Amino acid sequence: LPISQEGRRSPANPRSPCRVKQAAMAKSKNHTGHNQIYKNHRNGIKKTRRPRQMSMRGMNCRFIRNQAFAKRGMKCTPEEKEERLAAQKEAQKRIEEKKKVEKEQRLKELQK
């Protein structure tokens, strides 16, 4: 019996439901994990290799540029290194003397 436009009722008897069954579509399988674990373990699950050097991508370019110059500036001979250390110690002594003088001046001002 044909299906009318009113719904699933036969035209002969509008109250009785239609006895014609439509062919149901085949259900398709959406997902299965069958055999996947086996396949993954055939070659072994390995840890990812860590990069030896961190990527500079996305870093502040001004910082990277300064870092490169700083690295180049650190390269020196042992004689130059000794000279730099001596100059650094002298500068430190001068700064400490300056701080000492300033501290004495502040103490004198507080006593007045």
PDB file of N, CA and C in Angstrom:
ATOM      1  N   LEU A   1       0.832  -1.190   0.000  1.00  0.00           N
ATOM      2  CA  LEU A   1       0.000   0.000   0.000  1.00  0.00           C
ATOM      3  C   LEU A   1       0.871   1.246   0.000  1.00  0.00           C
ATOM      4  N   PRO A   2       0.523   2.199  -0.798  1.00  0.00           N
ATOM      5  CA  PRO A   2       1.329   3.422  -0.863  1.00  0.00           C
ATOM      6  C   PRO A   2       1.096   4.316   0.353  1.00  0.00           C
ATOM      7  N   ILE A   3       2.105   5.098   0.689  1.00  0.00           N
ATOM      8  CA  ILE A   3       2.009   6.019   1.817  1.00  0.00           C
ATOM      9  C   ILE A   3       1.444   7.332   1.318  1.00  0.00           C
ATOM     10  N   SER A   4       0.403   7.831   1.986  1.00  0.00           N
ATOM     11  CA  SER A   4      -0.200   9.093   1.566  1.00  0.00           C
ATOM     12  C   SER A   4       0.620  10.249   2.123  1.00  0.00           C
ATOM     13  N   GLN A   5       0.267  11.448   1.715  1.00  0.00           N
ATOM     14  CA  GLN A   5       1.007  12.628   2.145  1.00  0.00           C
ATOM     15  C   GLN A   5       0.635  13.048   3.563  1.00  0.00           C
ATOM     16  N   GLU A   6      -0.451  12.517   4.108  1.00  0.00           N
ATOM     17  CA  GLU A   6      -0.886  12.887   5.441  1.00  0.00           C
ATOM     18  C   GLU A   6      -0.007  12.255   6.505  1.00  0.00           C
ATOM     19  N   GLY A   7       0.718  11.239   6.213  1.00  0.00           N
ATOM     20  CA  GLY A   7       1.552  10.568   7.198  1.00  0.00           C
ATOM     21  C   GLY A   7       1.647   9.104   6.863  1.00  0.00           C
ATOM     22  N   ARG A   8       1.737   8.236   7.873  1.00  0.00           N
ATOM     23  CA  ARG A   8       1.879   6.808   7.656  1.00  0.00           C
ATOM     24  C   ARG A   8       0.514   6.114   7.786  1.00  0.00           C
ATOM     25  N   ARG A   9      -0.452   6.537   7.073  1.00  0.00           N
ATOM     26  CA  ARG A   9      -1.789   5.937   7.080  1.00  0.00           C
ATOM     27  C   ARG A   9      -2.110   5.452   5.665  1.00  0.00           C
ATOM     28  N   SER A  10      -2.776   4.336   5.597  1.00  0.00           N
ATOM     29  CA  SER A  10      -3.175   3.849   4.275  1.00  0.00           C
ATOM     30  C   SER A  10      -4.394   4.635   3.797  1.00  0.00           C
ATOM     31  N   PRO A  11      -4.501   4.891   2.498  1.00  0.00           N
ATOM     32  CA  PRO A  11      -5.635   5.677   2.003  1.00  0.00           C
ATOM     33  C   PRO A  11      -6.980   4.977   2.201  1.00  0.00           C
ATOM     34  N   ALA A  12      -6.974   3.650   2.240  1.00  0.00           N
ATOM     35  CA  ALA A  12      -8.240   2.927   2.399  1.00  0.00           C
ATOM     36  C   ALA A  12      -8.823   3.150   3.791  1.00  0.00           C
ATOM     37  N   ASN A  13      -8.018   2.986   4.821  1.00  0.00           N
ATOM     38  CA  ASN A  13      -8.480   3.172   6.188  1.00  0.00           C
ATOM     39  C   ASN A  13      -7.567   4.196   6.862  1.00  0.00           C
ATOM     40  N   PRO A  14      -7.994   5.454   6.997  1.00  0.00           N
ATOM     41  CA  PRO A  14      -7.113   6.491   7.551  1.00  0.00           C
ATOM     42  C   PRO A  14      -6.748   6.268   9.008  1.00  0.00           C
ATOM     43  N   ARG A  15      -7.525   5.442   9.752  1.00  0.00           N
ATOM     44  CA  ARG A  15      -7.241   5.228  11.169  1.00  0.00           C
ATOM     45  C   ARG A  15      -6.195   4.147  11.407  1.00  0.00           C
ATOM     46  N   SER A  16      -6.066   3.211  10.530  1.00  0.00           N
ATOM     47  CA  SER A  16      -5.111   2.121  10.747  1.00  0.00           C
ATOM     48  C   SER A  16      -3.723   2.510  10.249  1.00  0.00           C
ATOM     49  N   PRO A  17      -2.681   2.153  11.011  1.00  0.00           N
ATOM     50  CA  PRO A  17      -1.322   2.481  10.540  1.00  0.00           C
ATOM     51  C   PRO A  17      -0.957   1.628   9.345  1.00  0.00           C
ATOM     52  N   CYS A  18      -0.072   2.156   8.546  1.00  0.00           N
ATOM     53  CA  CYS A  18       0.350   1.474   7.326  1.00  0.00           C
ATOM     54  C   CYS A  18       1.163   0.236   7.682  1.00  0.00           C
ATOM     55  N   ARG A  19       0.930  -0.855   7.028  1.00  0.00           N
ATOM     56  CA  ARG A  19       1.624  -2.098   7.287  1.00  0.00           C
ATOM     57  C   ARG A  19       2.903  -2.217   6.456  1.00  0.00           C
ATOM     58  N   VAL A  20       3.146  -1.273   5.560  1.00  0.00           N
ATOM     59  CA  VAL A  20       4.325  -1.330   4.704  1.00  0.00           C
ATOM     60  C   VAL A  20       5.536  -0.887   5.515  1.00  0.00           C
ATOM     61  N   LYS A  21       6.564  -1.715   5.534  1.00  0.00           N
ATOM     62  CA  LYS A  21       7.784  -1.365   6.256  1.00  0.00           C
ATOM     63  C   LYS A  21       8.810  -0.853   5.270  1.00  0.00           C
ATOM     64  N   GLN A  22       9.405   0.253   5.622  1.00  0.00           N
ATOM     65  CA  GLN A  22      10.467   0.774   4.770  1.00  0.00           C
ATOM     66  C   GLN A  22      11.744   0.019   5.094  1.00  0.00           C
ATOM     67  N   ALA A  23      12.576  -0.137   4.108  1.00  0.00           N
ATOM     68  CA  ALA A  23      13.845  -0.828   4.310  1.00  0.00           C
ATOM     69  C   ALA A  23      14.744   0.064   5.159  1.00  0.00           C
ATOM     70  N   ALA A  24      15.179  -0.443   6.315  1.00  0.00           N
ATOM     71  CA  ALA A  24      16.042   0.339   7.200  1.00  0.00           C
ATOM     72  C   ALA A  24      17.449   0.387   6.612  1.00  0.00           C
ATOM     73  N   MET A  25      18.097   1.543   6.746  1.00  0.00           N
ATOM     74  CA  MET A  25      19.471   1.676   6.232  1.00  0.00           C
ATOM     75  C   MET A  25      20.418   0.911   7.142  1.00  0.00           C
ATOM     76  N   ALA A  26      21.442   0.382   6.540  1.00  0.00           N
ATOM     77  CA  ALA A  26      22.427  -0.366   7.311  1.00  0.00           C
ATOM     78  C   ALA A  26      23.198   0.598   8.201  1.00  0.00           C
ATOM     79  N   LYS A  27      23.379   0.208   9.451  1.00  0.00           N
ATOM     80  CA  LYS A  27      24.136   1.056  10.369  1.00  0.00           C
ATOM     81  C   LYS A  27      25.618   0.851  10.111  1.00  0.00           C
ATOM     82  N   SER A  28      26.325   1.947  10.051  1.00  0.00           N
ATOM     83  CA  SER A  28      27.769   1.836   9.810  1.00  0.00           C
ATOM     84  C   SER A  28      28.504   1.927  11.140  1.00  0.00           C
ATOM     85  N   LYS A  29      29.612   1.223  11.232  1.00  0.00           N
ATOM     86  CA  LYS A  29      30.400   1.238  12.463  1.00  0.00           C
ATOM     87  C   LYS A  29      31.189   2.544  12.484  1.00  0.00           C
ATOM     88  N   ASN A  30      31.105   3.261  13.602  1.00  0.00           N
ATOM     89  CA  ASN A  30      31.785   4.552  13.686  1.00  0.00           C
ATOM     90  C   ASN A  30      33.252   4.428  14.067  1.00  0.00           C
ATOM     91  N   HIS A  31      33.558   3.525  15.002  1.00  0.00           N
ATOM     92  CA  HIS A  31      34.948   3.445  15.466  1.00  0.00           C
ATOM     93  C   HIS A  31      35.196   2.104  16.116  1.00  0.00           C
ATOM     94  N   THR A  32      36.412   1.620  15.968  1.00  0.00           N
ATOM     95  CA  THR A  32      36.848   0.451  16.723  1.00  0.00           C
ATOM     96  C   THR A  32      38.336   0.560  16.969  1.00  0.00           C
ATOM     97  N   GLY A  33      38.753   0.138  18.141  1.00  0.00           N
ATOM     98  CA  GLY A  33      40.173   0.162  18.478  1.00  0.00           C
ATOM     99  C   GLY A  33      40.805  -1.211  18.325  1.00  0.00           C
ATOM    100  N   HIS A  34      40.083  -2.112  17.635  1.00  0.00           N
ATOM    101  CA  HIS A  34      40.564  -3.488  17.496  1.00  0.00           C
ATOM    102  C   HIS A  34      41.903  -3.512  16.774  1.00  0.00           C
ATOM    103  N   ASN A  35      42.868  -4.213  17.328  1.00  0.00           N
ATOM    104  CA  ASN A  35      44.188  -4.461  16.739  1.00  0.00           C
ATOM    105  C   ASN A  35      45.125  -3.255  16.815  1.00  0.00           C
ATOM    106  N   GLN A  36      44.653  -2.100  17.261  1.00  0.00           N
ATOM    107  CA  GLN A  36      45.503  -0.908  17.251  1.00  0.00           C
ATOM    108  C   GLN A  36      46.610  -1.006  18.295  1.00  0.00           C
ATOM    109  N   ILE A  37      46.304  -1.508  19.488  1.00  0.00           N
ATOM    110  CA  ILE A  37      47.313  -1.649  20.544  1.00  0.00           C
ATOM    111  C   ILE A  37      48.400  -2.608  20.081  1.00  0.00           C
ATOM    112  N   TYR A  38      47.978  -3.701  19.468  1.00  0.00           N
ATOM    113  CA  TYR A  38      48.935  -4.696  18.961  1.00  0.00           C
ATOM    114  C   TYR A  38      49.863  -4.054  17.937  1.00  0.00           C
ATOM    115  N   LYS A  39      49.277  -3.313  16.994  1.00  0.00           N
ATOM    116  CA  LYS A  39      50.083  -2.683  15.945  1.00  0.00           C
ATOM    117  C   LYS A  39      51.053  -1.650  16.529  1.00  0.00           C
ATOM    118  N   ASN A  40      50.586  -0.889  17.533  1.00  0.00           N
ATOM    119  CA  ASN A  40      51.440   0.134  18.138  1.00  0.00           C
ATOM    120  C   ASN A  40      52.622  -0.481  18.870  1.00  0.00           C
ATOM    121  N   HIS A  41      52.395  -1.628  19.493  1.00  0.00           N
ATOM    122  CA  HIS A  41      53.458  -2.252  20.275  1.00  0.00           C
ATOM    123  C   HIS A  41      54.379  -3.132  19.456  1.00  0.00           C
ATOM    124  N   ARG A  42      54.067  -3.363  18.195  1.00  0.00           N
ATOM    125  CA  ARG A  42      54.933  -4.184  17.348  1.00  0.00           C
ATOM    126  C   ARG A  42      56.331  -3.575  17.273  1.00  0.00           C
ATOM    127  N   ASN A  43      56.399  -2.257  17.061  1.00  0.00           N
ATOM    128  CA  ASN A  43      57.686  -1.570  16.990  1.00  0.00           C
ATOM    129  C   ASN A  43      58.056  -0.936  18.330  1.00  0.00           C
ATOM    130  N   GLY A  44      57.218  -1.094  19.318  1.00  0.00           N
ATOM    131  CA  GLY A  44      57.490  -0.512  20.627  1.00  0.00           C
ATOM    132  C   GLY A  44      57.062   0.943  20.665  1.00  0.00           C
ATOM    133  N   ILE A  45      56.561   1.364  21.807  1.00  0.00           N
ATOM    134  CA  ILE A  45      56.195   2.773  21.969  1.00  0.00           C
ATOM    135  C   ILE A  45      57.414   3.476  22.528  1.00  0.00           C
ATOM    136  N   LYS A  46      57.946   4.424  21.772  1.00  0.00           N
ATOM    137  CA  LYS A  46      59.202   5.085  22.125  1.00  0.00           C
ATOM    138  C   LYS A  46      58.932   6.457  22.715  1.00  0.00           C
ATOM    139  N   LYS A  47      59.854   6.909  23.568  1.00  0.00           N
ATOM    140  CA  LYS A  47      59.787   8.268  24.083  1.00  0.00           C
ATOM    141  C   LYS A  47      60.208   9.222  22.979  1.00  0.00           C
ATOM    142  N   THR A  48      59.642  10.422  22.998  1.00  0.00           N
ATOM    143  CA  THR A  48      60.018  11.401  21.984  1.00  0.00           C
ATOM    144  C   THR A  48      61.425  11.899  22.259  1.00  0.00           C
ATOM    145  N   ARG A  49      62.158  12.181  21.212  1.00  0.00           N
ATOM    146  CA  ARG A  49      63.523  12.684  21.359  1.00  0.00           C
ATOM    147  C   ARG A  49      63.472  14.157  21.718  1.00  0.00           C
ATOM    148  N   ARG A  50      64.171  14.511  22.776  1.00  0.00           N
ATOM    149  CA  ARG A  50      64.173  15.901  23.224  1.00  0.00           C
ATOM    150  C   ARG A  50      65.185  16.689  22.394  1.00  0.00           C
ATOM    151  N   PRO A  51      64.855  17.906  21.998  1.00  0.00           N
ATOM    152  CA  PRO A  51      65.816  18.703  21.238  1.00  0.00           C
ATOM    153  C   PRO A  51      67.014  19.089  22.103  1.00  0.00           C
ATOM    154  N   ARG A  52      68.198  19.101  21.489  1.00  0.00           N
ATOM    155  CA  ARG A  52      69.411  19.442  22.235  1.00  0.00           C
ATOM    156  C   ARG A  52      69.435  20.910  22.612  1.00  0.00           C
ATOM    157  N   GLN A  53      68.917  21.738  21.726  1.00  0.00           N
ATOM    158  CA  GLN A  53      68.936  23.171  21.971  1.00  0.00           C
ATOM    159  C   GLN A  53      67.513  23.706  21.853  1.00  0.00           C
ATOM    160  N   MET A  54      67.130  24.546  22.797  1.00  0.00           N
ATOM    161  CA  MET A  54      65.783  25.087  22.774  1.00  0.00           C
ATOM    162  C   MET A  54      65.600  26.017  21.576  1.00  0.00           C
ATOM    163  N   SER A  55      64.438  25.999  20.990  1.00  0.00           N
ATOM    164  CA  SER A  55      64.151  26.826  19.828  1.00  0.00           C
ATOM    165  C   SER A  55      64.057  28.298  20.247  1.00  0.00           C
ATOM    166  N   MET A  56      64.590  29.166  19.419  1.00  0.00           N
ATOM    167  CA  MET A  56      64.525  30.607  19.694  1.00  0.00           C
ATOM    168  C   MET A  56      63.269  31.220  19.063  1.00  0.00           C
ATOM    169  N   ARG A  57      62.476  30.376  18.391  1.00  0.00           N
ATOM    170  CA  ARG A  57      61.306  30.873  17.699  1.00  0.00           C
ATOM    171  C   ARG A  57      60.281  31.392  18.707  1.00  0.00           C
ATOM    172  N   GLY A  58      59.804  32.578  18.485  1.00  0.00           N
ATOM    173  CA  GLY A  58      58.819  33.165  19.380  1.00  0.00           C
ATOM    174  C   GLY A  58      59.429  33.957  20.520  1.00  0.00           C
ATOM    175  N   MET A  59      60.766  33.940  20.646  1.00  0.00           N
ATOM    176  CA  MET A  59      61.430  34.712  21.697  1.00  0.00           C
ATOM    177  C   MET A  59      61.584  36.161  21.256  1.00  0.00           C
ATOM    178  N   ASN A  60      61.848  37.011  22.213  1.00  0.00           N
ATOM    179  CA  ASN A  60      62.076  38.419  21.930  1.00  0.00           C
ATOM    180  C   ASN A  60      63.342  38.554  21.098  1.00  0.00           C
ATOM    181  N   CYS A  61      63.215  39.128  19.890  1.00  0.00           N
ATOM    182  CA  CYS A  61      64.354  39.176  18.970  1.00  0.00           C
ATOM    183  C   CYS A  61      65.468  40.079  19.505  1.00  0.00           C
ATOM    184  N   ARG A  62      65.111  41.102  20.260  1.00  0.00           N
ATOM    185  CA  ARG A  62      66.135  41.992  20.821  1.00  0.00           C
ATOM    186  C   ARG A  62      66.970  41.243  21.854  1.00  0.00           C
ATOM    187  N   PHE A  63      66.297  40.408  22.646  1.00  0.00           N
ATOM    188  CA  PHE A  63      66.992  39.590  23.639  1.00  0.00           C
ATOM    189  C   PHE A  63      67.945  38.610  22.956  1.00  0.00           C
ATOM    190  N   ILE A  64      67.478  37.963  21.884  1.00  0.00           N
ATOM    191  CA  ILE A  64      68.301  36.982  21.167  1.00  0.00           C
ATOM    192  C   ILE A  64      69.550  37.657  20.585  1.00  0.00           C
ATOM    193  N   ARG A  65      69.344  38.837  20.009  1.00  0.00           N
ATOM    194  CA  ARG A  65      70.469  39.582  19.420  1.00  0.00           C
ATOM    195  C   ARG A  65      71.490  39.935  20.497  1.00  0.00           C
ATOM    196  N   ASN A  66      71.017  40.411  21.638  1.00  0.00           N
ATOM    197  CA  ASN A  66      71.907  40.780  22.732  1.00  0.00           C
ATOM    198  C   ASN A  66      72.632  39.551  23.279  1.00  0.00           C
ATOM    199  N   GLN A  67      71.909  38.431  23.350  1.00  0.00           N
ATOM    200  CA  GLN A  67      72.501  37.197  23.842  1.00  0.00           C
ATOM    201  C   GLN A  67      73.647  36.741  22.937  1.00  0.00           C
ATOM    202  N   ALA A  68      73.453  36.876  21.631  1.00  0.00           N
ATOM    203  CA  ALA A  68      74.504  36.475  20.685  1.00  0.00           C
ATOM    204  C   ALA A  68      75.746  37.340  20.876  1.00  0.00           C
ATOM    205  N   PHE A  69      75.553  38.655  21.029  1.00  0.00           N
ATOM    206  CA  PHE A  69      76.701  39.539  21.244  1.00  0.00           C
ATOM    207  C   PHE A  69      77.395  39.223  22.565  1.00  0.00           C
ATOM    208  N   ALA A  70      76.608  38.895  23.587  1.00  0.00           N
ATOM    209  CA  ALA A  70      77.178  38.561  24.893  1.00  0.00           C
ATOM    210  C   ALA A  70      78.011  37.282  24.799  1.00  0.00           C
ATOM    211  N   LYS A  71      77.521  36.307  24.055  1.00  0.00           N
ATOM    212  CA  LYS A  71      78.272  35.059  23.883  1.00  0.00           C
ATOM    213  C   LYS A  71      79.598  35.316  23.178  1.00  0.00           C
ATOM    214  N   ARG A  72      79.562  36.171  22.152  1.00  0.00           N
ATOM    215  CA  ARG A  72      80.799  36.493  21.431  1.00  0.00           C
ATOM    216  C   ARG A  72      81.773  37.253  22.329  1.00  0.00           C
ATOM    217  N   GLY A  73      81.218  38.096  23.209  1.00  0.00           N
ATOM    218  CA  GLY A  73      82.067  38.876  24.111  1.00  0.00           C
ATOM    219  C   GLY A  73      82.724  38.016  25.179  1.00  0.00           C
ATOM    220  N   MET A  74      82.127  36.876  25.492  1.00  0.00           N
ATOM    221  CA  MET A  74      82.689  35.988  26.509  1.00  0.00           C
ATOM    222  C   MET A  74      83.893  35.216  25.999  1.00  0.00           C
ATOM    223  N   LYS A  75      84.015  35.107  24.673  1.00  0.00           N
ATOM    224  CA  LYS A  75      85.145  34.372  24.102  1.00  0.00           C
ATOM    225  C   LYS A  75      86.404  35.216  24.247  1.00  0.00           C
ATOM    226  N   CYS A  76      87.386  34.711  24.968  1.00  0.00           N
ATOM    227  CA  CYS A  76      88.635  35.445  25.137  1.00  0.00           C
ATOM    228  C   CYS A  76      89.742  34.485  25.584  1.00  0.00           C
ATOM    229  N   THR A  77      90.966  34.990  25.517  1.00  0.00           N
ATOM    230  CA  THR A  77      92.122  34.188  25.935  1.00  0.00           C
ATOM    231  C   THR A  77      92.250  34.242  27.454  1.00  0.00           C
ATOM    232  N   PRO A  78      93.010  33.335  28.060  1.00  0.00           N
ATOM    233  CA  PRO A  78      93.186  33.368  29.535  1.00  0.00           C
ATOM    234  C   PRO A  78      93.803  34.677  30.036  1.00  0.00           C
ATOM    235  N   GLU A  79      94.732  35.282  29.229  1.00  0.00           N
ATOM    236  CA  GLU A  79      95.339  36.557  29.651  1.00  0.00           C
ATOM    237  C   GLU A  79      94.285  37.660  29.731  1.00  0.00           C
ATOM    238  N   GLU A  80      93.431  37.714  28.705  1.00  0.00           N
ATOM    239  CA  GLU A  80      92.370  38.729  28.703  1.00  0.00           C
ATOM    240  C   GLU A  80      91.408  38.504  29.872  1.00  0.00           C
ATOM    241  N   LYS A  81      91.182  37.234  30.174  1.00  0.00           N
ATOM    242  CA  LYS A  81      90.272  36.909  31.268  1.00  0.00           C
ATOM    243  C   LYS A  81      90.828  37.427  32.594  1.00  0.00           C
ATOM    244  N   GLU A  82      92.139  37.247  32.806  1.00  0.00           N
ATOM    245  CA  GLU A  82      92.773  37.748  34.032  1.00  0.00           C
ATOM    246  C   GLU A  82      92.683  39.265  34.107  1.00  0.00           C
ATOM    247  N   GLU A  83      92.914  39.939  32.971  1.00  0.00           N
ATOM    248  CA  GLU A  83      92.819  41.402  32.942  1.00  0.00           C
ATOM    249  C   GLU A  83      91.400  41.853  33.302  1.00  0.00           C
ATOM    250  N   ARG A  84      90.429  41.174  32.753  1.00  0.00           N
ATOM    251  CA  ARG A  84      89.041  41.532  33.036  1.00  0.00           C
ATOM    252  C   ARG A  84      88.709  41.351  34.514  1.00  0.00           C
ATOM    253  N   LEU A  85      89.173  40.226  35.100  1.00  0.00           N
ATOM    254  CA  LEU A  85      88.927  39.990  36.525  1.00  0.00           C
ATOM    255  C   LEU A  85      89.570  41.068  37.382  1.00  0.00           C
ATOM    256  N   ALA A  86      90.813  41.463  37.028  1.00  0.00           N
ATOM    257  CA  ALA A  86      91.511  42.509  37.785  1.00  0.00           C
ATOM    258  C   ALA A  86      90.739  43.827  37.693  1.00  0.00           C
ATOM    259  N   ALA A  87      90.300  44.176  36.473  1.00  0.00           N
ATOM    260  CA  ALA A  87      89.541  45.419  36.278  1.00  0.00           C
ATOM    261  C   ALA A  87      88.229  45.373  37.063  1.00  0.00           C
ATOM    262  N   GLN A  88      87.606  44.212  37.102  1.00  0.00           N
ATOM    263  CA  GLN A  88      86.346  44.060  37.825  1.00  0.00           C
ATOM    264  C   GLN A  88      86.548  44.250  39.331  1.00  0.00           C
ATOM    265  N   LYS A  89      87.639  43.678  39.864  1.00  0.00           N
ATOM    266  CA  LYS A  89      87.924  43.818  41.296  1.00  0.00           C
ATOM    267  C   LYS A  89      88.226  45.272  41.653  1.00  0.00           C
ATOM    268  N   GLU A  90      88.955  45.960  40.776  1.00  0.00           N
ATOM    269  CA  GLU A  90      89.257  47.388  41.024  1.00  0.00           C
ATOM    270  C   GLU A  90      87.972  48.206  41.025  1.00  0.00           C
ATOM    271  N   ALA A  91      87.089  47.927  40.080  1.00  0.00           N
ATOM    272  CA  ALA A  91      85.824  48.657  40.004  1.00  0.00           C
ATOM    273  C   ALA A  91      84.990  48.399  41.257  1.00  0.00           C
ATOM    274  N   GLN A  92      85.014  47.168  41.725  1.00  0.00           N
ATOM    275  CA  GLN A  92      84.266  46.813  42.937  1.00  0.00           C
ATOM    276  C   GLN A  92      84.808  47.568  44.152  1.00  0.00           C
ATOM    277  N   LYS A  93      86.149  47.676  44.251  1.00  0.00           N
ATOM    278  CA  LYS A  93      86.765  48.410  45.359  1.00  0.00           C
ATOM    279  C   LYS A  93      86.348  49.881  45.327  1.00  0.00           C
ATOM    280  N   ARG A  94      86.377  50.485  44.130  1.00  0.00           N
ATOM    281  CA  ARG A  94      85.979  51.892  44.004  1.00  0.00           C
ATOM    282  C   ARG A  94      84.531  52.100  44.435  1.00  0.00           C
ATOM    283  N   ILE A  95      83.648  51.178  44.041  1.00  0.00           N
ATOM    284  CA  ILE A  95      82.235  51.290  44.408  1.00  0.00           C
ATOM    285  C   ILE A  95      82.059  51.175  45.917  1.00  0.00           C
ATOM    286  N   GLU A  96      82.792  50.245  46.537  1.00  0.00           N
ATOM    287  CA  GLU A  96      82.697  50.077  47.993  1.00  0.00           C
ATOM    288  C   GLU A  96      83.196  51.314  48.724  1.00  0.00           C
ATOM    289  N   GLU A  97      84.290  51.917  48.232  1.00  0.00           N
ATOM    290  CA  GLU A  97      84.812  53.159  48.843  1.00  0.00           C
ATOM    291  C   GLU A  97      83.795  54.279  48.703  1.00  0.00           C
ATOM    292  N   LYS A  98      83.177  54.376  47.551  1.00  0.00           N
ATOM    293  CA  LYS A  98      82.176  55.413  47.311  1.00  0.00           C
ATOM    294  C   LYS A  98      80.984  55.249  48.261  1.00  0.00           C
ATOM    295  N   LYS A  99      80.544  53.993  48.432  1.00  0.00           N
ATOM    296  CA  LYS A  99      79.427  53.714  49.346  1.00  0.00           C
ATOM    297  C   LYS A  99      79.792  54.082  50.778  1.00  0.00           C
ATOM    298  N   LYS A 100      81.043  53.791  51.152  1.00  0.00           N
ATOM    299  CA  LYS A 100      81.515  54.085  52.511  1.00  0.00           C
ATOM    300  C   LYS A 100      81.485  55.590  52.765  1.00  0.00           C
ATOM    301  N   VAL A 101      81.957  56.369  51.777  1.00  0.00           N
ATOM    302  CA  VAL A 101      81.973  57.832  51.906  1.00  0.00           C
ATOM    303  C   VAL A 101      80.540  58.361  52.015  1.00  0.00           C
ATOM    304  N   GLU A 102      79.650  57.851  51.187  1.00  0.00           N
ATOM    305  CA  GLU A 102      78.255  58.304  51.222  1.00  0.00           C
ATOM    306  C   GLU A 102      77.597  57.969  52.567  1.00  0.00           C
ATOM    307  N   LYS A 103      77.917  56.804  53.105  1.00  0.00           N
ATOM    308  CA  LYS A 103      77.357  56.402  54.389  1.00  0.00           C
ATOM    309  C   LYS A 103      77.838  57.335  55.499  1.00  0.00           C
ATOM    310  N   GLU A 104      79.138  57.684  55.478  1.00  0.00           N
ATOM    311  CA  GLU A 104      79.688  58.607  56.474  1.00  0.00           C
ATOM    312  C   GLU A 104      79.016  59.973  56.385  1.00  0.00           C
ATOM    313  N   GLN A 105      78.782  60.436  55.152  1.00  0.00           N
ATOM    314  CA  GLN A 105      78.119  61.736  54.961  1.00  0.00           C
ATOM    315  C   GLN A 105      76.699  61.706  55.523  1.00  0.00           C
ATOM    316  N   ARG A 106      75.971  60.639  55.299  1.00  0.00           N
ATOM    317  CA  ARG A 106      74.615  60.527  55.822  1.00  0.00           C
ATOM    318  C   ARG A 106      74.599  60.510  57.345  1.00  0.00           C
ATOM    319  N   LEU A 107      75.569  59.799  57.934  1.00  0.00           N
ATOM    320  CA  LEU A 107      75.647  59.762  59.392  1.00  0.00           C
ATOM    321  C   LEU A 107      75.936  61.137  59.971  1.00  0.00           C
ATOM    322  N   LYS A 108      76.845  61.898  59.301  1.00  0.00           N
ATOM    323  CA  LYS A 108      77.162  63.269  59.758  1.00  0.00           C
ATOM    324  C   LYS A 108      75.918  64.148  59.670  1.00  0.00           C
ATOM    325  N   GLU A 109      75.163  64.004  58.588  1.00  0.00           N
ATOM    326  CA  GLU A 109      73.951  64.836  58.421  1.00  0.00           C
ATOM    327  C   GLU A 109      72.895  64.470  59.477  1.00  0.00           C
ATOM    328  N   LEU A 110      72.807  63.199  59.812  1.00  0.00           N
ATOM    329  CA  LEU A 110      71.822  62.795  60.816  1.00  0.00           C
ATOM    330  C   LEU A 110      72.193  63.287  62.210  1.00  0.00           C
ATOM    331  N   GLN A 111      73.508  63.383  62.508  1.00  0.00           N
ATOM    332  CA  GLN A 111      73.967  63.836  63.822  1.00  0.00           C
ATOM    333  C   GLN A 111      73.780  65.329  64.003  1.00  0.00           C
ATOM    334  N   LYS A 112      73.750  66.091  62.909  1.00  0.00           N
ATOM    335  CA  LYS A 112      73.599  67.554  63.024  1.00  0.00           C
ATOM    336  C   LYS A 112      72.238  67.979  63.422  1.00  0.00           C
TER     337      LYS A 112
END
